[in-house]
Amino acid sequence: MKDQFQEGVPPPGEIKSSGPGGGLVPRGLLRMLVGEFALLRDIATAPIASGPLAPSVADAVDFLRSYELVLVDGQQVSATDRGRQLLEATPINSTTYTLAFDRTRLGW
């Protein structure tokens, strides 16, 4: 298949990685930093105050909220059922800095 710029387009269900390997990765992959996962675990243990947060924590909370893993409700940040489900899941891949989860296995 060709896109509008006449470059190859990966088959449906796959996206081309922008990484140095340029390999194909499955769609529906949730990749997150180990620190974001640790923050989610901490929030699931005890909600945190919603502000003011250090910039790096605020960025991590925004990322977690974008996947509906946490809920920012007025004065606090708490884990959602979806966030707790992710904490119980086994990553399909991990590196020193990242974890990857298959969203289709999670039913997302």
PDB file of N, CA and C in Angstrom:
ATOM      1  N   MET A   1       0.840  -1.178   0.000  1.00  0.00           N
ATOM      2  CA  MET A   1       0.000   0.000   0.000  1.00  0.00           C
ATOM      3  C   MET A   1       0.887   1.244   0.000  1.00  0.00           C
ATOM      4  N   LYS A   2       0.422   2.290  -0.617  1.00  0.00           N
ATOM      5  CA  LYS A   2       1.158   3.551  -0.661  1.00  0.00           C
ATOM      6  C   LYS A   2       0.311   4.646  -0.027  1.00  0.00           C
ATOM      7  N   ASP A   3       0.959   5.521   0.724  1.00  0.00           N
ATOM      8  CA  ASP A   3       0.230   6.655   1.278  1.00  0.00           C
ATOM      9  C   ASP A   3       0.307   7.822   0.302  1.00  0.00           C
ATOM     10  N   GLN A   4      -0.200   8.976   0.702  1.00  0.00           N
ATOM     11  CA  GLN A   4      -0.247  10.117  -0.205  1.00  0.00           C
ATOM     12  C   GLN A   4       1.137  10.625  -0.592  1.00  0.00           C
ATOM     13  N   PHE A   5       2.162  10.279   0.164  1.00  0.00           N
ATOM     14  CA  PHE A   5       3.513  10.706  -0.164  1.00  0.00           C
ATOM     15  C   PHE A   5       4.284   9.610  -0.887  1.00  0.00           C
ATOM     16  N   GLN A   6       3.560   8.563  -1.322  1.00  0.00           N
ATOM     17  CA  GLN A   6       4.129   7.446  -2.063  1.00  0.00           C
ATOM     18  C   GLN A   6       5.155   6.661  -1.254  1.00  0.00           C
ATOM     19  N   GLU A   7       4.979   6.660   0.049  1.00  0.00           N
ATOM     20  CA  GLU A   7       5.846   5.857   0.901  1.00  0.00           C
ATOM     21  C   GLU A   7       5.073   4.619   1.307  1.00  0.00           C
ATOM     22  N   GLY A   8       5.770   3.567   1.631  1.00  0.00           N
ATOM     23  CA  GLY A   8       5.119   2.335   2.044  1.00  0.00           C
ATOM     24  C   GLY A   8       4.332   2.521   3.327  1.00  0.00           C
ATOM     25  N   VAL A   9       3.187   1.895   3.408  1.00  0.00           N
ATOM     26  CA  VAL A   9       2.343   1.950   4.589  1.00  0.00           C
ATOM     27  C   VAL A   9       2.279   0.551   5.174  1.00  0.00           C
ATOM     28  N   PRO A  10       2.517   0.391   6.469  1.00  0.00           N
ATOM     29  CA  PRO A  10       2.437  -0.936   7.068  1.00  0.00           C
ATOM     30  C   PRO A  10       1.036  -1.522   6.922  1.00  0.00           C
ATOM     31  N   PRO A  11       0.918  -2.837   6.930  1.00  0.00           N
ATOM     32  CA  PRO A  11      -0.398  -3.465   6.847  1.00  0.00           C
ATOM     33  C   PRO A  11      -1.278  -3.066   8.022  1.00  0.00           C
ATOM     34  N   PRO A  12      -2.615  -3.171   7.873  1.00  0.00           N
ATOM     35  CA  PRO A  12      -3.499  -2.858   8.993  1.00  0.00           C
ATOM     36  C   PRO A  12      -3.112  -3.686  10.217  1.00  0.00           C
ATOM     37  N   GLY A  13      -3.242  -3.078  11.377  1.00  0.00           N
ATOM     38  CA  GLY A  13      -2.901  -3.776  12.614  1.00  0.00           C
ATOM     39  C   GLY A  13      -1.457  -3.592  13.028  1.00  0.00           C
ATOM     40  N   GLU A  14      -0.670  -2.905  12.221  1.00  0.00           N
ATOM     41  CA  GLU A  14       0.719  -2.667  12.566  1.00  0.00           C
ATOM     42  C   GLU A  14       1.059  -1.211  12.271  1.00  0.00           C
ATOM     43  N   ILE A  15       2.010  -0.694  13.017  1.00  0.00           N
ATOM     44  CA  ILE A  15       2.509   0.642  12.742  1.00  0.00           C
ATOM     45  C   ILE A  15       4.020   0.555  12.625  1.00  0.00           C
ATOM     46  N   LYS A  16       4.595   1.450  11.869  1.00  0.00           N
ATOM     47  CA  LYS A  16       6.040   1.438  11.700  1.00  0.00           C
ATOM     48  C   LYS A  16       6.675   2.187  12.857  1.00  0.00           C
ATOM     49  N   SER A  17       7.632   1.567  13.476  1.00  0.00           N
ATOM     50  CA  SER A  17       8.334   2.168  14.590  1.00  0.00           C
ATOM     51  C   SER A  17       9.211   3.304  14.089  1.00  0.00           C
ATOM     52  N   SER A  18       9.309   4.356  14.875  1.00  0.00           N
ATOM     53  CA  SER A  18      10.205   5.450  14.521  1.00  0.00           C
ATOM     54  C   SER A  18      11.574   5.250  15.155  1.00  0.00           C
ATOM     55  N   GLY A  19      11.738   4.144  15.863  1.00  0.00           N
ATOM     56  CA  GLY A  19      12.998   3.860  16.533  1.00  0.00           C
ATOM     57  C   GLY A  19      14.102   3.490  15.561  1.00  0.00           C
ATOM     58  N   PRO A  20      15.319   3.343  16.069  1.00  0.00           N
ATOM     59  CA  PRO A  20      16.450   3.064  15.206  1.00  0.00           C
ATOM     60  C   PRO A  20      16.317   1.746  14.453  1.00  0.00           C
ATOM     61  N   GLY A  21      15.601   0.776  15.011  1.00  0.00           N
ATOM     62  CA  GLY A  21      15.418  -0.495  14.331  1.00  0.00           C
ATOM     63  C   GLY A  21      14.422  -0.407  13.204  1.00  0.00           C
ATOM     64  N   GLY A  22      13.502   0.557  13.274  1.00  0.00           N
ATOM     65  CA  GLY A  22      12.502   0.741  12.238  1.00  0.00           C
ATOM     66  C   GLY A  22      11.592  -0.455  12.051  1.00  0.00           C
ATOM     67  N   GLY A  23      11.462  -1.304  13.064  1.00  0.00           N
ATOM     68  CA  GLY A  23      10.646  -2.505  12.948  1.00  0.00           C
ATOM     69  C   GLY A  23       9.170  -2.220  13.100  1.00  0.00           C
ATOM     70  N   LEU A  24       8.374  -3.255  12.981  1.00  0.00           N
ATOM     71  CA  LEU A  24       6.933  -3.122  13.132  1.00  0.00           C
ATOM     72  C   LEU A  24       6.534  -3.521  14.542  1.00  0.00           C
ATOM     73  N   VAL A  25       5.606  -2.777  15.104  1.00  0.00           N
ATOM     74  CA  VAL A  25       5.089  -3.090  16.433  1.00  0.00           C
ATOM     75  C   VAL A  25       3.579  -3.184  16.334  1.00  0.00           C
ATOM     76  N   PRO A  26       2.949  -4.008  17.160  1.00  0.00           N
ATOM     77  CA  PRO A  26       1.494  -4.152  17.065  1.00  0.00           C
ATOM     78  C   PRO A  26       0.769  -2.898  17.530  1.00  0.00           C
ATOM     79  N   ARG A  27      -0.368  -2.618  16.889  1.00  0.00           N
ATOM     80  CA  ARG A  27      -1.237  -1.547  17.376  1.00  0.00           C
ATOM     81  C   ARG A  27      -1.801  -2.005  18.712  1.00  0.00           C
ATOM     82  N   GLY A  28      -2.238  -1.061  19.505  1.00  0.00           N
ATOM     83  CA  GLY A  28      -2.825  -1.424  20.779  1.00  0.00           C
ATOM     84  C   GLY A  28      -1.791  -1.669  21.851  1.00  0.00           C
ATOM     85  N   LEU A  29      -0.574  -1.267  21.594  1.00  0.00           N
ATOM     86  CA  LEU A  29       0.484  -1.436  22.574  1.00  0.00           C
ATOM     87  C   LEU A  29       0.519  -0.202  23.467  1.00  0.00           C
ATOM     88  N   LEU A  30       0.487  -0.403  24.755  1.00  0.00           N
ATOM     89  CA  LEU A  30       0.636   0.697  25.706  1.00  0.00           C
ATOM     90  C   LEU A  30       2.043   0.623  26.262  1.00  0.00           C
ATOM     91  N   ARG A  31       2.850   1.605  25.917  1.00  0.00           N
ATOM     92  CA  ARG A  31       4.223   1.658  26.418  1.00  0.00           C
ATOM     93  C   ARG A  31       4.297   2.822  27.396  1.00  0.00           C
ATOM     94  N   MET A  32       4.865   2.552  28.550  1.00  0.00           N
ATOM     95  CA  MET A  32       4.975   3.595  29.559  1.00  0.00           C
ATOM     96  C   MET A  32       6.323   3.504  30.256  1.00  0.00           C
ATOM     97  N   LEU A  33       6.730   4.614  30.827  1.00  0.00           N
ATOM     98  CA  LEU A  33       7.964   4.646  31.591  1.00  0.00           C
ATOM     99  C   LEU A  33       7.772   3.907  32.911  1.00  0.00           C
ATOM    100  N   VAL A  34       8.843   3.304  33.394  1.00  0.00           N
ATOM    101  CA  VAL A  34       8.793   2.602  34.673  1.00  0.00           C
ATOM    102  C   VAL A  34       8.359   3.573  35.773  1.00  0.00           C
ATOM    103  N   GLY A  35       8.807   4.819  35.696  1.00  0.00           N
ATOM    104  CA  GLY A  35       8.423   5.821  36.686  1.00  0.00           C
ATOM    105  C   GLY A  35       6.934   6.123  36.671  1.00  0.00           C
ATOM    106  N   GLU A  36       6.322   6.118  35.485  1.00  0.00           N
ATOM    107  CA  GLU A  36       4.871   6.330  35.383  1.00  0.00           C
ATOM    108  C   GLU A  36       4.122   5.161  36.012  1.00  0.00           C
ATOM    109  N   PHE A  37       4.627   3.947  35.781  1.00  0.00           N
ATOM    110  CA  PHE A  37       4.011   2.763  36.372  1.00  0.00           C
ATOM    111  C   PHE A  37       4.147   2.805  37.900  1.00  0.00           C
ATOM    112  N   ALA A  38       5.316   3.203  38.388  1.00  0.00           N
ATOM    113  CA  ALA A  38       5.536   3.303  39.832  1.00  0.00           C
ATOM    114  C   ALA A  38       4.611   4.349  40.452  1.00  0.00           C
ATOM    115  N   LEU A  39       4.425   5.470  39.756  1.00  0.00           N
ATOM    116  CA  LEU A  39       3.508   6.498  40.257  1.00  0.00           C
ATOM    117  C   LEU A  39       2.084   5.960  40.314  1.00  0.00           C
ATOM    118  N   LEU A  40       1.669   5.224  39.283  1.00  0.00           N
ATOM    119  CA  LEU A  40       0.339   4.616  39.288  1.00  0.00           C
ATOM    120  C   LEU A  40       0.183   3.677  40.481  1.00  0.00           C
ATOM    121  N   ARG A  41       1.207   2.878  40.746  1.00  0.00           N
ATOM    122  CA  ARG A  41       1.178   1.960  41.891  1.00  0.00           C
ATOM    123  C   ARG A  41       1.052   2.741  43.205  1.00  0.00           C
ATOM    124  N   ASP A  42       1.807   3.828  43.326  1.00  0.00           N
ATOM    125  CA  ASP A  42       1.735   4.654  44.537  1.00  0.00           C
ATOM    126  C   ASP A  42       0.352   5.278  44.698  1.00  0.00           C
ATOM    127  N   ILE A  43      -0.211   5.771  43.599  1.00  0.00           N
ATOM    128  CA  ILE A  43      -1.538   6.397  43.648  1.00  0.00           C
ATOM    129  C   ILE A  43      -2.603   5.368  43.997  1.00  0.00           C
ATOM    130  N   ALA A  44      -2.443   4.126  43.508  1.00  0.00           N
ATOM    131  CA  ALA A  44      -3.408   3.066  43.835  1.00  0.00           C
ATOM    132  C   ALA A  44      -3.348   2.719  45.315  1.00  0.00           C
ATOM    133  N   THR A  45      -2.169   2.847  45.914  1.00  0.00           N
ATOM    134  CA  THR A  45      -2.009   2.571  47.342  1.00  0.00           C
ATOM    135  C   THR A  45      -2.645   3.676  48.176  1.00  0.00           C
ATOM    136  N   ALA A  46      -2.402   4.913  47.791  1.00  0.00           N
ATOM    137  CA  ALA A  46      -2.963   6.063  48.508  1.00  0.00           C
ATOM    138  C   ALA A  46      -3.054   7.237  47.543  1.00  0.00           C
ATOM    139  N   PRO A  47      -4.251   7.789  47.333  1.00  0.00           N
ATOM    140  CA  PRO A  47      -4.392   8.947  46.442  1.00  0.00           C
ATOM    141  C   PRO A  47      -3.454  10.079  46.865  1.00  0.00           C
ATOM    142  N   ILE A  48      -3.039  10.879  45.881  1.00  0.00           N
ATOM    143  CA  ILE A  48      -2.156  12.009  46.166  1.00  0.00           C
ATOM    144  C   ILE A  48      -2.913  13.310  45.939  1.00  0.00           C
ATOM    145  N   ALA A  49      -2.424  14.376  46.570  1.00  0.00           N
ATOM    146  CA  ALA A  49      -3.017  15.700  46.361  1.00  0.00           C
ATOM    147  C   ALA A  49      -2.794  16.115  44.913  1.00  0.00           C
ATOM    148  N   SER A  50      -3.764  16.807  44.330  1.00  0.00           N
ATOM    149  CA  SER A  50      -3.693  17.139  42.907  1.00  0.00           C
ATOM    150  C   SER A  50      -2.853  18.366  42.593  1.00  0.00           C
ATOM    151  N   GLY A  51      -2.386  19.061  43.576  1.00  0.00           N
ATOM    152  CA  GLY A  51      -1.548  20.189  43.213  1.00  0.00           C
ATOM    153  C   GLY A  51      -1.071  20.961  44.411  1.00  0.00           C
ATOM    154  N   PRO A  52      -0.054  21.746  44.231  1.00  0.00           N
ATOM    155  CA  PRO A  52       0.792  21.803  43.041  1.00  0.00           C
ATOM    156  C   PRO A  52       1.733  20.597  42.989  1.00  0.00           C
ATOM    157  N   LEU A  53       1.999  20.114  41.778  1.00  0.00           N
ATOM    158  CA  LEU A  53       2.854  18.955  41.573  1.00  0.00           C
ATOM    159  C   LEU A  53       4.134  19.381  40.870  1.00  0.00           C
ATOM    160  N   ALA A  54       5.204  18.656  41.125  1.00  0.00           N
ATOM    161  CA  ALA A  54       6.441  18.882  40.381  1.00  0.00           C
ATOM    162  C   ALA A  54       6.150  18.657  38.898  1.00  0.00           C
ATOM    163  N   PRO A  55       6.822  19.380  38.011  1.00  0.00           N
ATOM    164  CA  PRO A  55       6.535  19.238  36.577  1.00  0.00           C
ATOM    165  C   PRO A  55       6.604  17.797  36.068  1.00  0.00           C
ATOM    166  N   SER A  56       7.580  17.022  36.527  1.00  0.00           N
ATOM    167  CA  SER A  56       7.692  15.639  36.048  1.00  0.00           C
ATOM    168  C   SER A  56       6.525  14.790  36.534  1.00  0.00           C
ATOM    169  N   VAL A  57       6.063  15.035  37.752  1.00  0.00           N
ATOM    170  CA  VAL A  57       4.916  14.297  38.287  1.00  0.00           C
ATOM    171  C   VAL A  57       3.647  14.725  37.559  1.00  0.00           C
ATOM    172  N   ALA A  58       3.510  16.022  37.308  1.00  0.00           N
ATOM    173  CA  ALA A  58       2.341  16.516  36.575  1.00  0.00           C
ATOM    174  C   ALA A  58       2.275  15.902  35.176  1.00  0.00           C
ATOM    175  N   ASP A  59       3.430  15.785  34.505  1.00  0.00           N
ATOM    176  CA  ASP A  59       3.465  15.152  33.178  1.00  0.00           C
ATOM    177  C   ASP A  59       3.055  13.687  33.262  1.00  0.00           C
ATOM    178  N   ALA A  60       3.543  12.985  34.275  1.00  0.00           N
ATOM    179  CA  ALA A  60       3.192  11.571  34.444  1.00  0.00           C
ATOM    180  C   ALA A  60       1.704  11.415  34.740  1.00  0.00           C
ATOM    181  N   VAL A  61       1.151  12.292  35.571  1.00  0.00           N
ATOM    182  CA  VAL A  61      -0.285  12.242  35.872  1.00  0.00           C
ATOM    183  C   VAL A  61      -1.091  12.506  34.601  1.00  0.00           C
ATOM    184  N   ASP A  62      -0.655  13.465  33.786  1.00  0.00           N
ATOM    185  CA  ASP A  62      -1.349  13.736  32.516  1.00  0.00           C
ATOM    186  C   ASP A  62      -1.330  12.510  31.608  1.00  0.00           C
ATOM    187  N   PHE A  63      -0.190  11.830  31.537  1.00  0.00           N
ATOM    188  CA  PHE A  63      -0.094  10.615  30.729  1.00  0.00           C
ATOM    189  C   PHE A  63      -1.051   9.547  31.257  1.00  0.00           C
ATOM    190  N   LEU A  64      -1.034   9.313  32.565  1.00  0.00           N
ATOM    191  CA  LEU A  64      -1.908   8.297  33.164  1.00  0.00           C
ATOM    192  C   LEU A  64      -3.377   8.654  32.961  1.00  0.00           C
ATOM    193  N   ARG A  65      -3.694   9.925  33.062  1.00  0.00           N
ATOM    194  CA  ARG A  65      -5.074  10.362  32.861  1.00  0.00           C
ATOM    195  C   ARG A  65      -5.506  10.180  31.405  1.00  0.00           C
ATOM    196  N   SER A  66      -4.580  10.359  30.465  1.00  0.00           N
ATOM    197  CA  SER A  66      -4.921  10.209  29.046  1.00  0.00           C
ATOM    198  C   SER A  66      -5.349   8.784  28.708  1.00  0.00           C
ATOM    199  N   TYR A  67      -4.906   7.813  29.481  1.00  0.00           N
ATOM    200  CA  TYR A  67      -5.317   6.413  29.292  1.00  0.00           C
ATOM    201  C   TYR A  67      -6.378   5.988  30.306  1.00  0.00           C
ATOM    202  N   GLU A  68      -6.928   6.963  31.027  1.00  0.00           N
ATOM    203  CA  GLU A  68      -7.972   6.725  32.029  1.00  0.00           C
ATOM    204  C   GLU A  68      -7.512   5.755  33.119  1.00  0.00           C
ATOM    205  N   LEU A  69      -6.236   5.874  33.496  1.00  0.00           N
ATOM    206  CA  LEU A  69      -5.681   5.044  34.554  1.00  0.00           C
ATOM    207  C   LEU A  69      -5.810   5.722  35.911  1.00  0.00           C
ATOM    208  N   VAL A  70      -5.919   7.049  35.892  1.00  0.00           N
ATOM    209  CA  VAL A  70      -6.143   7.818  37.112  1.00  0.00           C
ATOM    210  C   VAL A  70      -7.258   8.823  36.867  1.00  0.00           C
ATOM    211  N   LEU A  71      -7.828   9.268  37.964  1.00  0.00           N
ATOM    212  CA  LEU A  71      -8.881  10.278  37.930  1.00  0.00           C
ATOM    213  C   LEU A  71      -8.419  11.458  38.769  1.00  0.00           C
ATOM    214  N   VAL A  72      -8.425  12.638  38.168  1.00  0.00           N
ATOM    215  CA  VAL A  72      -8.101  13.859  38.901  1.00  0.00           C
ATOM    216  C   VAL A  72      -9.424  14.484  39.282  1.00  0.00           C
ATOM    217  N   ASP A  73      -9.704  14.475  40.577  1.00  0.00           N
ATOM    218  CA  ASP A  73     -11.004  14.908  41.075  1.00  0.00           C
ATOM    219  C   ASP A  73     -10.805  15.987  42.132  1.00  0.00           C
ATOM    220  N   GLY A  74     -10.857  17.229  41.702  1.00  0.00           N
ATOM    221  CA  GLY A  74     -10.733  18.336  42.646  1.00  0.00           C
ATOM    222  C   GLY A  74      -9.399  18.353  43.359  1.00  0.00           C
ATOM    223  N   GLN A  75      -9.377  17.833  44.569  1.00  0.00           N
ATOM    224  CA  GLN A  75      -8.204  17.928  45.425  1.00  0.00           C
ATOM    225  C   GLN A  75      -7.254  16.739  45.354  1.00  0.00           C
ATOM    226  N   GLN A  76      -7.649  15.648  44.678  1.00  0.00           N
ATOM    227  CA  GLN A  76      -6.780  14.475  44.700  1.00  0.00           C
ATOM    228  C   GLN A  76      -6.741  13.733  43.370  1.00  0.00           C
ATOM    229  N   VAL A  77      -5.697  12.910  43.242  1.00  0.00           N
ATOM    230  CA  VAL A  77      -5.519  12.021  42.096  1.00  0.00           C
ATOM    231  C   VAL A  77      -5.649  10.604  42.629  1.00  0.00           C
ATOM    232  N   SER A  78      -6.563   9.829  42.049  1.00  0.00           N
ATOM    233  CA  SER A  78      -6.776   8.453  42.508  1.00  0.00           C
ATOM    234  C   SER A  78      -6.761   7.502  41.316  1.00  0.00           C
ATOM    235  N   ALA A  79      -6.470   6.242  41.584  1.00  0.00           N
ATOM    236  CA  ALA A  79      -6.432   5.222  40.533  1.00  0.00           C
ATOM    237  C   ALA A  79      -7.850   4.800  40.172  1.00  0.00           C
ATOM    238  N   THR A  80      -8.058   4.542  38.889  1.00  0.00           N
ATOM    239  CA  THR A  80      -9.344   4.033  38.411  1.00  0.00           C
ATOM    240  C   THR A  80      -9.296   2.503  38.413  1.00  0.00           C
ATOM    241  N   ASP A  81     -10.435   1.879  38.155  1.00  0.00           N
ATOM    242  CA  ASP A  81     -10.460   0.415  38.029  1.00  0.00           C
ATOM    243  C   ASP A  81      -9.536  -0.031  36.904  1.00  0.00           C
ATOM    244  N   ARG A  82      -9.514   0.738  35.835  1.00  0.00           N
ATOM    245  CA  ARG A  82      -8.642   0.426  34.705  1.00  0.00           C
ATOM    246  C   ARG A  82      -7.174   0.491  35.121  1.00  0.00           C
ATOM    247  N   GLY A  83      -6.826   1.472  35.943  1.00  0.00           N
ATOM    248  CA  GLY A  83      -5.460   1.580  36.454  1.00  0.00           C
ATOM    249  C   GLY A  83      -5.092   0.400  37.327  1.00  0.00           C
ATOM    250  N   ARG A  84      -6.015  -0.019  38.170  1.00  0.00           N
ATOM    251  CA  ARG A  84      -5.765  -1.189  39.019  1.00  0.00           C
ATOM    252  C   ARG A  84      -5.629  -2.458  38.180  1.00  0.00           C
ATOM    253  N   GLN A  85      -6.423  -2.545  37.113  1.00  0.00           N
ATOM    254  CA  GLN A  85      -6.328  -3.693  36.211  1.00  0.00           C
ATOM    255  C   GLN A  85      -4.933  -3.744  35.579  1.00  0.00           C
ATOM    256  N   LEU A  86      -4.417  -2.596  35.170  1.00  0.00           N
ATOM    257  CA  LEU A  86      -3.090  -2.555  34.567  1.00  0.00           C
ATOM    258  C   LEU A  86      -2.020  -2.991  35.568  1.00  0.00           C
ATOM    259  N   LEU A  87      -2.168  -2.598  36.815  1.00  0.00           N
ATOM    260  CA  LEU A  87      -1.192  -2.972  37.834  1.00  0.00           C
ATOM    261  C   LEU A  87      -1.128  -4.483  38.040  1.00  0.00           C
ATOM    262  N   GLU A  88      -2.218  -5.180  37.782  1.00  0.00           N
ATOM    263  CA  GLU A  88      -2.253  -6.634  37.943  1.00  0.00           C
ATOM    264  C   GLU A  88      -1.786  -7.370  36.691  1.00  0.00           C
ATOM    265  N   ALA A  89      -1.674  -6.661  35.573  1.00  0.00           N
ATOM    266  CA  ALA A  89      -1.299  -7.287  34.298  1.00  0.00           C
ATOM    267  C   ALA A  89       0.208  -7.526  34.232  1.00  0.00           C
ATOM    268  N   THR A  90       0.575  -8.483  33.404  1.00  0.00           N
ATOM    269  CA  THR A  90       1.982  -8.777  33.154  1.00  0.00           C
ATOM    270  C   THR A  90       2.409  -8.058  31.875  1.00  0.00           C
ATOM    271  N   PRO A  91       3.489  -7.290  31.936  1.00  0.00           N
ATOM    272  CA  PRO A  91       3.950  -6.616  30.722  1.00  0.00           C
ATOM    273  C   PRO A  91       4.366  -7.642  29.662  1.00  0.00           C
ATOM    274  N   ILE A  92       4.152  -7.304  28.396  1.00  0.00           N
ATOM    275  CA  ILE A  92       4.598  -8.196  27.327  1.00  0.00           C
ATOM    276  C   ILE A  92       6.050  -7.915  26.959  1.00  0.00           C
ATOM    277  N   ASN A  93       6.562  -6.773  27.415  1.00  0.00           N
ATOM    278  CA  ASN A  93       7.951  -6.417  27.158  1.00  0.00           C
ATOM    279  C   ASN A  93       8.374  -5.403  28.211  1.00  0.00           C
ATOM    280  N   SER A  94       9.633  -5.445  28.576  1.00  0.00           N
ATOM    281  CA  SER A  94      10.149  -4.437  29.499  1.00  0.00           C
ATOM    282  C   SER A  94      11.617  -4.190  29.203  1.00  0.00           C
ATOM    283  N   THR A  95      12.024  -2.971  29.483  1.00  0.00           N
ATOM    284  CA  THR A  95      13.426  -2.583  29.397  1.00  0.00           C
ATOM    285  C   THR A  95      13.766  -1.939  30.731  1.00  0.00           C
ATOM    286  N   THR A  96      14.953  -1.426  30.826  1.00  0.00           N
ATOM    287  CA  THR A  96      15.351  -0.740  32.052  1.00  0.00           C
ATOM    288  C   THR A  96      14.437   0.439  32.350  1.00  0.00           C
ATOM    289  N   TYR A  97      13.931   1.086  31.293  1.00  0.00           N
ATOM    290  CA  TYR A  97      13.173   2.319  31.471  1.00  0.00           C
ATOM    291  C   TYR A  97      11.698   2.238  31.097  1.00  0.00           C
ATOM    292  N   THR A  98      11.293   1.207  30.365  1.00  0.00           N
ATOM    293  CA  THR A  98       9.912   1.149  29.879  1.00  0.00           C
ATOM    294  C   THR A  98       9.257  -0.203  30.132  1.00  0.00           C
ATOM    295  N   LEU A  99       7.935  -0.171  30.142  1.00  0.00           N
ATOM    296  CA  LEU A  99       7.104  -1.377  30.203  1.00  0.00           C
ATOM    297  C   LEU A  99       6.121  -1.291  29.049  1.00  0.00           C
ATOM    298  N   ALA A 100       5.773  -2.431  28.477  1.00  0.00           N
ATOM    299  CA  ALA A 100       4.797  -2.456  27.386  1.00  0.00           C
ATOM    300  C   ALA A 100       3.710  -3.464  27.723  1.00  0.00           C
ATOM    301  N   PHE A 101       2.464  -3.058  27.486  1.00  0.00           N
ATOM    302  CA  PHE A 101       1.298  -3.898  27.751  1.00  0.00           C
ATOM    303  C   PHE A 101       0.468  -4.006  26.485  1.00  0.00           C
ATOM    304  N   ASP A 102      -0.155  -5.154  26.286  1.00  0.00           N
ATOM    305  CA  ASP A 102      -1.043  -5.374  25.149  1.00  0.00           C
ATOM    306  C   ASP A 102      -2.443  -4.938  25.562  1.00  0.00           C
ATOM    307  N   ARG A 103      -2.909  -3.827  24.991  1.00  0.00           N
ATOM    308  CA  ARG A 103      -4.225  -3.298  25.372  1.00  0.00           C
ATOM    309  C   ARG A 103      -5.352  -4.232  24.975  1.00  0.00           C
ATOM    310  N   THR A 104      -5.181  -5.013  23.910  1.00  0.00           N
ATOM    311  CA  THR A 104      -6.260  -5.932  23.519  1.00  0.00           C
ATOM    312  C   THR A 104      -6.417  -7.049  24.540  1.00  0.00           C
ATOM    313  N   ARG A 105      -5.323  -7.517  25.121  1.00  0.00           N
ATOM    314  CA  ARG A 105      -5.412  -8.524  26.192  1.00  0.00           C
ATOM    315  C   ARG A 105      -6.114  -7.965  27.425  1.00  0.00           C
ATOM    316  N   LEU A 106      -5.974  -6.668  27.618  1.00  0.00           N
ATOM    317  CA  LEU A 106      -6.628  -6.019  28.753  1.00  0.00           C
ATOM    318  C   LEU A 106      -8.093  -5.704  28.465  1.00  0.00           C
ATOM    319  N   GLY A 107      -8.502  -5.894  27.220  1.00  0.00           N
ATOM    320  CA  GLY A 107      -9.886  -5.619  26.848  1.00  0.00           C
ATOM    321  C   GLY A 107     -10.164  -4.155  26.580  1.00  0.00           C
ATOM    322  N   TRP A 108      -9.118  -3.388  26.264  1.00  0.00           N
ATOM    323  CA  TRP A 108      -9.292  -1.967  25.994  1.00  0.00           C
ATOM    324  C   TRP A 108      -9.460  -1.781  24.521  1.00  0.00           C
TER     325      TRP A 108
END
